[in-house]
């Protein structure tokens, strides 16, 4: 759950600052995700590498979508919340 909250924080910061490209912010979040999993989850290195790749691609698309929807606050808010919680919901289904 903490990773979702940090993803929401990254999403808001990357839009508010508007410095750097979406892939750079996604790479930063992927590094955070790798470090988080190294510290708190006992996962093999291969799983962490695959997780980093999947997280990077997902978060890159998520941040790019948020930037594209910045003109419509209703759609942005829906994507902001839905995009952060969608992987969490899929993990529990």
PDB file of N, CA and C in Angstrom:
ATOM      1  N   UNK A   1       0.816  -1.185   0.000  1.00  0.00           N
ATOM      2  CA  UNK A   1       0.000   0.000   0.000  1.00  0.00           C
ATOM      3  C   UNK A   1       0.866   1.258   0.000  1.00  0.00           C
ATOM      4  N   UNK A   2       1.992   1.179   0.684  1.00  0.00           N
ATOM      5  CA  UNK A   2       2.869   2.348   0.725  1.00  0.00           C
ATOM      6  C   UNK A   2       3.413   2.669  -0.667  1.00  0.00           C
ATOM      7  N   UNK A   3       3.624   1.633  -1.477  1.00  0.00           N
ATOM      8  CA  UNK A   3       4.106   1.877  -2.839  1.00  0.00           C
ATOM      9  C   UNK A   3       3.070   2.624  -3.666  1.00  0.00           C
ATOM     10  N   UNK A   4       1.790   2.346  -3.433  1.00  0.00           N
ATOM     11  CA  UNK A   4       0.730   3.059  -4.152  1.00  0.00           C
ATOM     12  C   UNK A   4       0.721   4.526  -3.744  1.00  0.00           C
ATOM     13  N   UNK A   5       0.864   4.789  -2.456  1.00  0.00           N
ATOM     14  CA  UNK A   5       0.888   6.178  -1.991  1.00  0.00           C
ATOM     15  C   UNK A   5       2.100   6.925  -2.538  1.00  0.00           C
ATOM     16  N   UNK A   6       3.221   6.252  -2.608  1.00  0.00           N
ATOM     17  CA  UNK A   6       4.413   6.896  -3.161  1.00  0.00           C
ATOM     18  C   UNK A   6       4.256   7.104  -4.663  1.00  0.00           C
ATOM     19  N   UNK A   7       3.596   6.168  -5.351  1.00  0.00           N
ATOM     20  CA  UNK A   7       3.308   6.363  -6.775  1.00  0.00           C
ATOM     21  C   UNK A   7       2.421   7.585  -6.977  1.00  0.00           C
ATOM     22  N   UNK A   8       1.411   7.756  -6.126  1.00  0.00           N
ATOM     23  CA  UNK A   8       0.553   8.935  -6.212  1.00  0.00           C
ATOM     24  C   UNK A   8       1.356  10.213  -5.965  1.00  0.00           C
ATOM     25  N   UNK A   9       2.275  10.158  -5.012  1.00  0.00           N
ATOM     26  CA  UNK A   9       3.122  11.324  -4.749  1.00  0.00           C
ATOM     27  C   UNK A   9       4.022  11.625  -5.946  1.00  0.00           C
ATOM     28  N   UNK A  10       4.630  10.601  -6.520  1.00  0.00           N
ATOM     29  CA  UNK A  10       5.456  10.790  -7.715  1.00  0.00           C
ATOM     30  C   UNK A  10       4.629  11.391  -8.848  1.00  0.00           C
ATOM     31  N   UNK A  11       3.404  10.897  -9.015  1.00  0.00           N
ATOM     32  CA  UNK A  11       2.544  11.385 -10.100  1.00  0.00           C
ATOM     33  C   UNK A  11       2.232  12.861  -9.921  1.00  0.00           C
ATOM     34  N   UNK A  12       1.913  13.254  -8.711  1.00  0.00           N
ATOM     35  CA  UNK A  12       1.573  14.659  -8.463  1.00  0.00           C
ATOM     36  C   UNK A  12       2.808  15.547  -8.591  1.00  0.00           C
ATOM     37  N   UNK A  13       3.923  15.090  -8.080  1.00  0.00           N
ATOM     38  CA  UNK A  13       5.150  15.886  -8.152  1.00  0.00           C
ATOM     39  C   UNK A  13       5.606  16.046  -9.595  1.00  0.00           C
ATOM     40  N   UNK A  14       5.563  14.965 -10.388  1.00  0.00           N
ATOM     41  CA  UNK A  14       6.042  15.058 -11.771  1.00  0.00           C
ATOM     42  C   UNK A  14       5.175  15.984 -12.589  1.00  0.00           C
ATOM     43  N   UNK A  15       3.893  16.086 -12.229  1.00  0.00           N
ATOM     44  CA  UNK A  15       3.050  17.015 -12.972  1.00  0.00           C
ATOM     45  C   UNK A  15       3.222  18.442 -12.467  1.00  0.00           C
ATOM     46  N   UNK A  16       3.355  18.613 -11.158  1.00  0.00           N
ATOM     47  CA  UNK A  16       3.499  19.953 -10.593  1.00  0.00           C
ATOM     48  C   UNK A  16       4.833  20.583 -10.988  1.00  0.00           C
ATOM     49  N   UNK A  17       5.891  19.806 -10.938  1.00  0.00           N
ATOM     50  CA  UNK A  17       7.214  20.326 -11.282  1.00  0.00           C
ATOM     51  C   UNK A  17       7.335  20.512 -12.787  1.00  0.00           C
ATOM     52  N   UNK A  18       6.801  19.552 -13.536  1.00  0.00           N
ATOM     53  CA  UNK A  18       6.820  19.567 -15.003  1.00  0.00           C
ATOM     54  C   UNK A  18       8.236  19.699 -15.560  1.00  0.00           C
ATOM     55  N   UNK A  19       9.188  19.171 -14.819  1.00  0.00           N
ATOM     56  CA  UNK A  19      10.571  19.138 -15.288  1.00  0.00           C
ATOM     57  C   UNK A  19      10.929  17.691 -15.584  1.00  0.00           C
ATOM     58  N   UNK A  20      11.568  17.485 -16.682  1.00  0.00           N
ATOM     59  CA  UNK A  20      11.930  16.128 -17.062  1.00  0.00           C
ATOM     60  C   UNK A  20      10.817  15.462 -17.836  1.00  0.00           C
ATOM     61  N   UNK A  21      11.172  14.395 -18.463  1.00  0.00           N
ATOM     62  CA  UNK A  21      10.202  13.646 -19.259  1.00  0.00           C
ATOM     63  C   UNK A  21       9.560  12.563 -18.397  1.00  0.00           C
ATOM     64  N   UNK A  22       8.450  12.027 -18.889  1.00  0.00           N
ATOM     65  CA  UNK A  22       7.719  11.013 -18.123  1.00  0.00           C
ATOM     66  C   UNK A  22       8.579   9.769 -17.894  1.00  0.00           C
ATOM     67  N   UNK A  23       9.405   9.403 -18.875  1.00  0.00           N
ATOM     68  CA  UNK A  23      10.219   8.195 -18.707  1.00  0.00           C
ATOM     69  C   UNK A  23      11.273   8.384 -17.617  1.00  0.00           C
ATOM     70  N   UNK A  24      11.742   9.627 -17.412  1.00  0.00           N
ATOM     71  CA  UNK A  24      12.723   9.874 -16.357  1.00  0.00           C
ATOM     72  C   UNK A  24      12.095   9.696 -14.973  1.00  0.00           C
ATOM     73  N   UNK A  25      10.871  10.177 -14.830  1.00  0.00           N
ATOM     74  CA  UNK A  25      10.163   9.990 -13.567  1.00  0.00           C
ATOM     75  C   UNK A  25       9.831   8.515 -13.356  1.00  0.00           C
ATOM     76  N   UNK A  26       9.489   7.821 -14.435  1.00  0.00           N
ATOM     77  CA  UNK A  26       9.199   6.389 -14.342  1.00  0.00           C
ATOM     78  C   UNK A  26      10.454   5.614 -13.939  1.00  0.00           C
ATOM     79  N   UNK A  27      11.593   6.009 -14.471  1.00  0.00           N
ATOM     80  CA  UNK A  27      12.852   5.354 -14.095  1.00  0.00           C
ATOM     81  C   UNK A  27      13.162   5.590 -12.618  1.00  0.00           C
ATOM     82  N   UNK A  28      12.905   6.801 -12.142  1.00  0.00           N
ATOM     83  CA  UNK A  28      13.132   7.097 -10.727  1.00  0.00           C
ATOM     84  C   UNK A  28      12.226   6.252  -9.843  1.00  0.00           C
ATOM     85  N   UNK A  29      10.968   6.115 -10.235  1.00  0.00           N
ATOM     86  CA  UNK A  29      10.057   5.279  -9.450  1.00  0.00           C
ATOM     87  C   UNK A  29      10.468   3.807  -9.519  1.00  0.00           C
ATOM     88  N   UNK A  30      10.964   3.364 -10.659  1.00  0.00           N
ATOM     89  CA  UNK A  30      11.420   1.978 -10.789  1.00  0.00           C
ATOM     90  C   UNK A  30      12.608   1.707  -9.877  1.00  0.00           C
ATOM     91  N   UNK A  31      13.508   2.658  -9.777  1.00  0.00           N
ATOM     92  CA  UNK A  31      14.644   2.513  -8.861  1.00  0.00           C
ATOM     93  C   UNK A  31      14.138   2.412  -7.427  1.00  0.00           C
ATOM     94  N   UNK A  32      13.173   3.273  -7.083  1.00  0.00           N
ATOM     95  CA  UNK A  32      12.573   3.182  -5.749  1.00  0.00           C
ATOM     96  C   UNK A  32      11.951   1.805  -5.527  1.00  0.00           C
ATOM     97  N   UNK A  33      11.231   1.316  -6.507  1.00  0.00           N
ATOM     98  CA  UNK A  33      10.564   0.016  -6.391  1.00  0.00           C
ATOM     99  C   UNK A  33      11.577  -1.113  -6.202  1.00  0.00           C
ATOM    100  N   UNK A  34      12.666  -1.058  -6.937  1.00  0.00           N
ATOM    101  CA  UNK A  34      13.717  -2.076  -6.790  1.00  0.00           C
ATOM    102  C   UNK A  34      14.322  -2.016  -5.391  1.00  0.00           C
ATOM    103  N   UNK A  35      14.641  -0.824  -4.924  1.00  0.00           N
ATOM    104  CA  UNK A  35      15.215  -0.691  -3.586  1.00  0.00           C
ATOM    105  C   UNK A  35      14.240  -1.159  -2.513  1.00  0.00           C
ATOM    106  N   UNK A  36      12.970  -0.822  -2.684  1.00  0.00           N
ATOM    107  CA  UNK A  36      11.940  -1.244  -1.732  1.00  0.00           C
ATOM    108  C   UNK A  36      11.878  -2.774  -1.663  1.00  0.00           C
ATOM    109  N   UNK A  37      11.883  -3.408  -2.819  1.00  0.00           N
ATOM    110  CA  UNK A  37      11.800  -4.867  -2.846  1.00  0.00           C
ATOM    111  C   UNK A  37      13.076  -5.529  -2.343  1.00  0.00           C
ATOM    112  N   UNK A  38      14.211  -4.903  -2.559  1.00  0.00           N
ATOM    113  CA  UNK A  38      15.453  -5.452  -2.018  1.00  0.00           C
ATOM    114  C   UNK A  38      15.469  -5.383  -0.495  1.00  0.00           C
ATOM    115  N   UNK A  39      14.924  -4.303   0.051  1.00  0.00           N
ATOM    116  CA  UNK A  39      14.954  -4.124   1.500  1.00  0.00           C
ATOM    117  C   UNK A  39      13.882  -4.923   2.232  1.00  0.00           C
ATOM    118  N   UNK A  40      12.689  -4.985   1.677  1.00  0.00           N
ATOM    119  CA  UNK A  40      11.565  -5.521   2.441  1.00  0.00           C
ATOM    120  C   UNK A  40      10.985  -6.830   1.921  1.00  0.00           C
ATOM    121  N   UNK A  41      11.315  -7.239   0.731  1.00  0.00           N
ATOM    122  CA  UNK A  41      10.800  -8.493   0.180  1.00  0.00           C
ATOM    123  C   UNK A  41      11.965  -9.403  -0.162  1.00  0.00           C
ATOM    124  N   UNK A  42      11.815 -10.646   0.166  1.00  0.00           N
ATOM    125  CA  UNK A  42      12.852 -11.620  -0.163  1.00  0.00           C
ATOM    126  C   UNK A  42      12.519 -12.225  -1.526  1.00  0.00           C
ATOM    127  N   UNK A  43      12.952 -11.545  -2.570  1.00  0.00           N
ATOM    128  CA  UNK A  43      12.683 -11.990  -3.933  1.00  0.00           C
ATOM    129  C   UNK A  43      14.003 -12.278  -4.633  1.00  0.00           C
ATOM    130  N   UNK A  44      14.018 -13.248  -5.528  1.00  0.00           N
ATOM    131  CA  UNK A  44      15.230 -13.497  -6.324  1.00  0.00           C
ATOM    132  C   UNK A  44      15.542 -12.302  -7.233  1.00  0.00           C
ATOM    133  N   UNK A  45      16.801 -12.181  -7.603  1.00  0.00           N
ATOM    134  CA  UNK A  45      17.237 -11.061  -8.435  1.00  0.00           C
ATOM    135  C   UNK A  45      16.514 -11.009  -9.774  1.00  0.00           C
ATOM    136  N   UNK A  46      16.274 -12.157 -10.354  1.00  0.00           N
ATOM    137  CA  UNK A  46      15.588 -12.194 -11.644  1.00  0.00           C
ATOM    138  C   UNK A  46      14.174 -11.635 -11.527  1.00  0.00           C
ATOM    139  N   UNK A  47      13.492 -11.974 -10.454  1.00  0.00           N
ATOM    140  CA  UNK A  47      12.140 -11.451 -10.249  1.00  0.00           C
ATOM    141  C   UNK A  47      12.162  -9.941 -10.053  1.00  0.00           C
ATOM    142  N   UNK A  48      13.142  -9.457  -9.333  1.00  0.00           N
ATOM    143  CA  UNK A  48      13.248  -8.014  -9.114  1.00  0.00           C
ATOM    144  C   UNK A  48      13.543  -7.297 -10.426  1.00  0.00           C
ATOM    145  N   UNK A  49      14.391  -7.876 -11.263  1.00  0.00           N
ATOM    146  CA  UNK A  49      14.701  -7.261 -12.563  1.00  0.00           C
ATOM    147  C   UNK A  49      13.465  -7.225 -13.458  1.00  0.00           C
ATOM    148  N   UNK A  50      12.713  -8.318 -13.493  1.00  0.00           N
ATOM    149  CA  UNK A  50      11.483  -8.342 -14.289  1.00  0.00           C
ATOM    150  C   UNK A  50      10.451  -7.374 -13.728  1.00  0.00           C
ATOM    151  N   UNK A  51      10.356  -7.308 -12.410  1.00  0.00           N
ATOM    152  CA  UNK A  51       9.440  -6.370 -11.777  1.00  0.00           C
ATOM    153  C   UNK A  51       9.806  -4.935 -12.128  1.00  0.00           C
ATOM    154  N   UNK A  52      11.090  -4.622 -12.113  1.00  0.00           N
ATOM    155  CA  UNK A  52      11.532  -3.270 -12.452  1.00  0.00           C
ATOM    156  C   UNK A  52      11.149  -2.909 -13.878  1.00  0.00           C
ATOM    157  N   UNK A  53      11.297  -3.843 -14.791  1.00  0.00           N
ATOM    158  CA  UNK A  53      10.933  -3.589 -16.186  1.00  0.00           C
ATOM    159  C   UNK A  53       9.431  -3.367 -16.337  1.00  0.00           C
ATOM    160  N   UNK A  54       8.637  -4.214 -15.714  1.00  0.00           N
ATOM    161  CA  UNK A  54       7.177  -4.078 -15.800  1.00  0.00           C
ATOM    162  C   UNK A  54       6.715  -2.784 -15.138  1.00  0.00           C
ATOM    163  N   UNK A  55       7.267  -2.478 -13.979  1.00  0.00           N
ATOM    164  CA  UNK A  55       6.897  -1.243 -13.280  1.00  0.00           C
ATOM    165  C   UNK A  55       7.283  -0.033 -14.114  1.00  0.00           C
ATOM    166  N   UNK A  56       8.461  -0.054 -14.709  1.00  0.00           N
ATOM    167  CA  UNK A  56       8.898   1.073 -15.530  1.00  0.00           C
ATOM    168  C   UNK A  56       7.937   1.324 -16.681  1.00  0.00           C
ATOM    169  N   UNK A  57       7.576   0.279 -17.407  1.00  0.00           N
ATOM    170  CA  UNK A  57       6.685   0.442 -18.565  1.00  0.00           C
ATOM    171  C   UNK A  57       5.313   0.936 -18.118  1.00  0.00           C
ATOM    172  N   UNK A  58       4.780   0.356 -17.038  1.00  0.00           N
ATOM    173  CA  UNK A  58       3.458   0.768 -16.563  1.00  0.00           C
ATOM    174  C   UNK A  58       3.466   2.221 -16.094  1.00  0.00           C
ATOM    175  N   UNK A  59       4.451   2.570 -15.285  1.00  0.00           N
ATOM    176  CA  UNK A  59       4.498   3.918 -14.721  1.00  0.00           C
ATOM    177  C   UNK A  59       4.788   4.949 -15.805  1.00  0.00           C
ATOM    178  N   UNK A  60       5.584   4.599 -16.785  1.00  0.00           N
ATOM    179  CA  UNK A  60       5.836   5.509 -17.903  1.00  0.00           C
ATOM    180  C   UNK A  60       4.521   5.836 -18.616  1.00  0.00           C
ATOM    181  N   UNK A  61       3.743   4.830 -18.920  1.00  0.00           N
ATOM    182  CA  UNK A  61       2.441   5.056 -19.545  1.00  0.00           C
ATOM    183  C   UNK A  61       1.502   5.837 -18.643  1.00  0.00           C
ATOM    184  N   UNK A  62       1.535   5.543 -17.355  1.00  0.00           N
ATOM    185  CA  UNK A  62       0.690   6.232 -16.378  1.00  0.00           C
ATOM    186  C   UNK A  62       1.035   7.718 -16.316  1.00  0.00           C
ATOM    187  N   UNK A  63       2.318   8.035 -16.212  1.00  0.00           N
ATOM    188  CA  UNK A  63       2.726   9.439 -16.147  1.00  0.00           C
ATOM    189  C   UNK A  63       2.444  10.166 -17.454  1.00  0.00           C
ATOM    190  N   UNK A  64       2.669   9.503 -18.578  1.00  0.00           N
ATOM    191  CA  UNK A  64       2.386  10.123 -19.878  1.00  0.00           C
ATOM    192  C   UNK A  64       0.892  10.395 -20.024  1.00  0.00           C
ATOM    193  N   UNK A  65       0.062   9.464 -19.577  1.00  0.00           N
ATOM    194  CA  UNK A  65      -1.392   9.670 -19.636  1.00  0.00           C
ATOM    195  C   UNK A  65      -1.811  10.834 -18.754  1.00  0.00           C
ATOM    196  N   UNK A  66      -1.245  10.931 -17.571  1.00  0.00           N
ATOM    197  CA  UNK A  66      -1.588  12.044 -16.690  1.00  0.00           C
ATOM    198  C   UNK A  66      -1.210  13.385 -17.309  1.00  0.00           C
ATOM    199  N   UNK A  67      -0.078  13.436 -17.962  1.00  0.00           N
ATOM    200  CA  UNK A  67       0.315  14.685 -18.624  1.00  0.00           C
ATOM    201  C   UNK A  67      -0.619  15.019 -19.772  1.00  0.00           C
ATOM    202  N   UNK A  68      -1.083  14.009 -20.482  1.00  0.00           N
ATOM    203  CA  UNK A  68      -1.990  14.233 -21.609  1.00  0.00           C
ATOM    204  C   UNK A  68      -3.366  14.700 -21.131  1.00  0.00           C
ATOM    205  N   UNK A  69      -3.790  14.237 -19.961  1.00  0.00           N
ATOM    206  CA  UNK A  69      -5.111  14.578 -19.437  1.00  0.00           C
ATOM    207  C   UNK A  69      -5.099  15.790 -18.511  1.00  0.00           C
ATOM    208  N   UNK A  70      -4.023  16.528 -18.474  1.00  0.00           N
ATOM    209  CA  UNK A  70      -3.917  17.637 -17.526  1.00  0.00           C
ATOM    210  C   UNK A  70      -4.908  18.765 -17.797  1.00  0.00           C
ATOM    211  N   UNK A  71      -5.500  18.823 -18.976  1.00  0.00           N
ATOM    212  CA  UNK A  71      -6.468  19.876 -19.285  1.00  0.00           C
ATOM    213  C   UNK A  71      -7.842  19.592 -18.688  1.00  0.00           C
ATOM    214  N   UNK A  72      -8.198  18.347 -18.515  1.00  0.00           N
ATOM    215  CA  UNK A  72      -9.512  17.968 -17.985  1.00  0.00           C
ATOM    216  C   UNK A  72      -9.339  17.416 -16.574  1.00  0.00           C
ATOM    217  N   UNK A  73      -9.758  18.192 -15.582  1.00  0.00           N
ATOM    218  CA  UNK A  73      -9.533  17.800 -14.192  1.00  0.00           C
ATOM    219  C   UNK A  73     -10.291  16.523 -13.812  1.00  0.00           C
ATOM    220  N   UNK A  74     -11.491  16.334 -14.359  1.00  0.00           N
ATOM    221  CA  UNK A  74     -12.266  15.136 -14.023  1.00  0.00           C
ATOM    222  C   UNK A  74     -11.585  13.874 -14.563  1.00  0.00           C
ATOM    223  N   UNK A  75     -11.170  13.910 -15.818  1.00  0.00           N
ATOM    224  CA  UNK A  75     -10.469  12.756 -16.391  1.00  0.00           C
ATOM    225  C   UNK A  75      -9.117  12.548 -15.728  1.00  0.00           C
ATOM    226  N   UNK A  76      -8.430  13.636 -15.410  1.00  0.00           N
ATOM    227  CA  UNK A  76      -7.133  13.531 -14.757  1.00  0.00           C
ATOM    228  C   UNK A  76      -7.280  12.864 -13.393  1.00  0.00           C
ATOM    229  N   UNK A  77      -8.283  13.279 -12.634  1.00  0.00           N
ATOM    230  CA  UNK A  77      -8.495  12.714 -11.306  1.00  0.00           C
ATOM    231  C   UNK A  77      -8.862  11.234 -11.386  1.00  0.00           C
ATOM    232  N   UNK A  78      -9.684  10.879 -12.363  1.00  0.00           N
ATOM    233  CA  UNK A  78     -10.042   9.476 -12.565  1.00  0.00           C
ATOM    234  C   UNK A  78      -8.806   8.645 -12.916  1.00  0.00           C
ATOM    235  N   UNK A  79      -7.974   9.150 -13.815  1.00  0.00           N
ATOM    236  CA  UNK A  79      -6.746   8.439 -14.194  1.00  0.00           C
ATOM    237  C   UNK A  79      -5.749   8.415 -13.041  1.00  0.00           C
ATOM    238  N   UNK A  80      -5.682   9.495 -12.277  1.00  0.00           N
ATOM    239  CA  UNK A  80      -4.754   9.605 -11.149  1.00  0.00           C
ATOM    240  C   UNK A  80      -5.030   8.525 -10.109  1.00  0.00           C
ATOM    241  N   UNK A  81      -6.282   8.400  -9.724  1.00  0.00           N
ATOM    242  CA  UNK A  81      -6.640   7.426  -8.692  1.00  0.00           C
ATOM    243  C   UNK A  81      -6.748   6.020  -9.280  1.00  0.00           C
ATOM    244  N   UNK A  82      -7.437   5.903 -10.396  1.00  0.00           N
ATOM    245  CA  UNK A  82      -7.626   4.585 -11.004  1.00  0.00           C
ATOM    246  C   UNK A  82      -6.330   3.953 -11.461  1.00  0.00           C
ATOM    247  N   UNK A  83      -5.447   4.747 -12.026  1.00  0.00           N
ATOM    248  CA  UNK A  83      -4.179   4.221 -12.516  1.00  0.00           C
ATOM    249  C   UNK A  83      -3.252   3.752 -11.416  1.00  0.00           C
ATOM    250  N   UNK A  84      -3.361   4.359 -10.249  1.00  0.00           N
ATOM    251  CA  UNK A  84      -2.510   3.950  -9.136  1.00  0.00           C
ATOM    252  C   UNK A  84      -3.030   2.686  -8.464  1.00  0.00           C
ATOM    253  N   UNK A  85      -4.343   2.555  -8.386  1.00  0.00           N
ATOM    254  CA  UNK A  85      -4.915   1.413  -7.682  1.00  0.00           C
ATOM    255  C   UNK A  85      -5.215   0.221  -8.580  1.00  0.00           C
ATOM    256  N   UNK A  86      -5.176   0.391  -9.893  1.00  0.00           N
ATOM    257  CA  UNK A  86      -5.463  -0.718 -10.810  1.00  0.00           C
ATOM    258  C   UNK A  86      -4.507  -1.903 -10.620  1.00  0.00           C
ATOM    259  N   UNK A  87      -3.192  -1.693 -10.532  1.00  0.00           N
ATOM    260  CA  UNK A  87      -2.304  -2.849 -10.316  1.00  0.00           C
ATOM    261  C   UNK A  87      -2.554  -3.529  -8.969  1.00  0.00           C
ATOM    262  N   UNK A  88      -2.901  -2.745  -7.970  1.00  0.00           N
ATOM    263  CA  UNK A  88      -3.186  -3.315  -6.657  1.00  0.00           C
ATOM    264  C   UNK A  88      -4.435  -4.189  -6.712  1.00  0.00           C
ATOM    265  N   UNK A  89      -5.457  -3.710  -7.406  1.00  0.00           N
ATOM    266  CA  UNK A  89      -6.685  -4.499  -7.548  1.00  0.00           C
ATOM    267  C   UNK A  89      -6.444  -5.760  -8.369  1.00  0.00           C
ATOM    268  N   UNK A  90      -5.652  -5.650  -9.423  1.00  0.00           N
ATOM    269  CA  UNK A  90      -5.353  -6.820 -10.250  1.00  0.00           C
ATOM    270  C   UNK A  90      -4.543  -7.863  -9.485  1.00  0.00           C
ATOM    271  N   UNK A  91      -3.731  -7.413  -8.556  1.00  0.00           N
ATOM    272  CA  UNK A  91      -2.920  -8.346  -7.775  1.00  0.00           C
ATOM    273  C   UNK A  91      -3.774  -9.186  -6.833  1.00  0.00           C
ATOM    274  N   UNK A  92      -4.896  -8.646  -6.395  1.00  0.00           N
ATOM    275  CA  UNK A  92      -5.743  -9.365  -5.445  1.00  0.00           C
ATOM    276  C   UNK A  92      -6.873 -10.138  -6.100  1.00  0.00           C
ATOM    277  N   UNK A  93      -7.028 -10.008  -7.404  1.00  0.00           N
ATOM    278  CA  UNK A  93      -8.098 -10.741  -8.099  1.00  0.00           C
ATOM    279  C   UNK A  93      -7.596 -12.111  -8.499  1.00  0.00           C
TER     280      UNK A  93
END
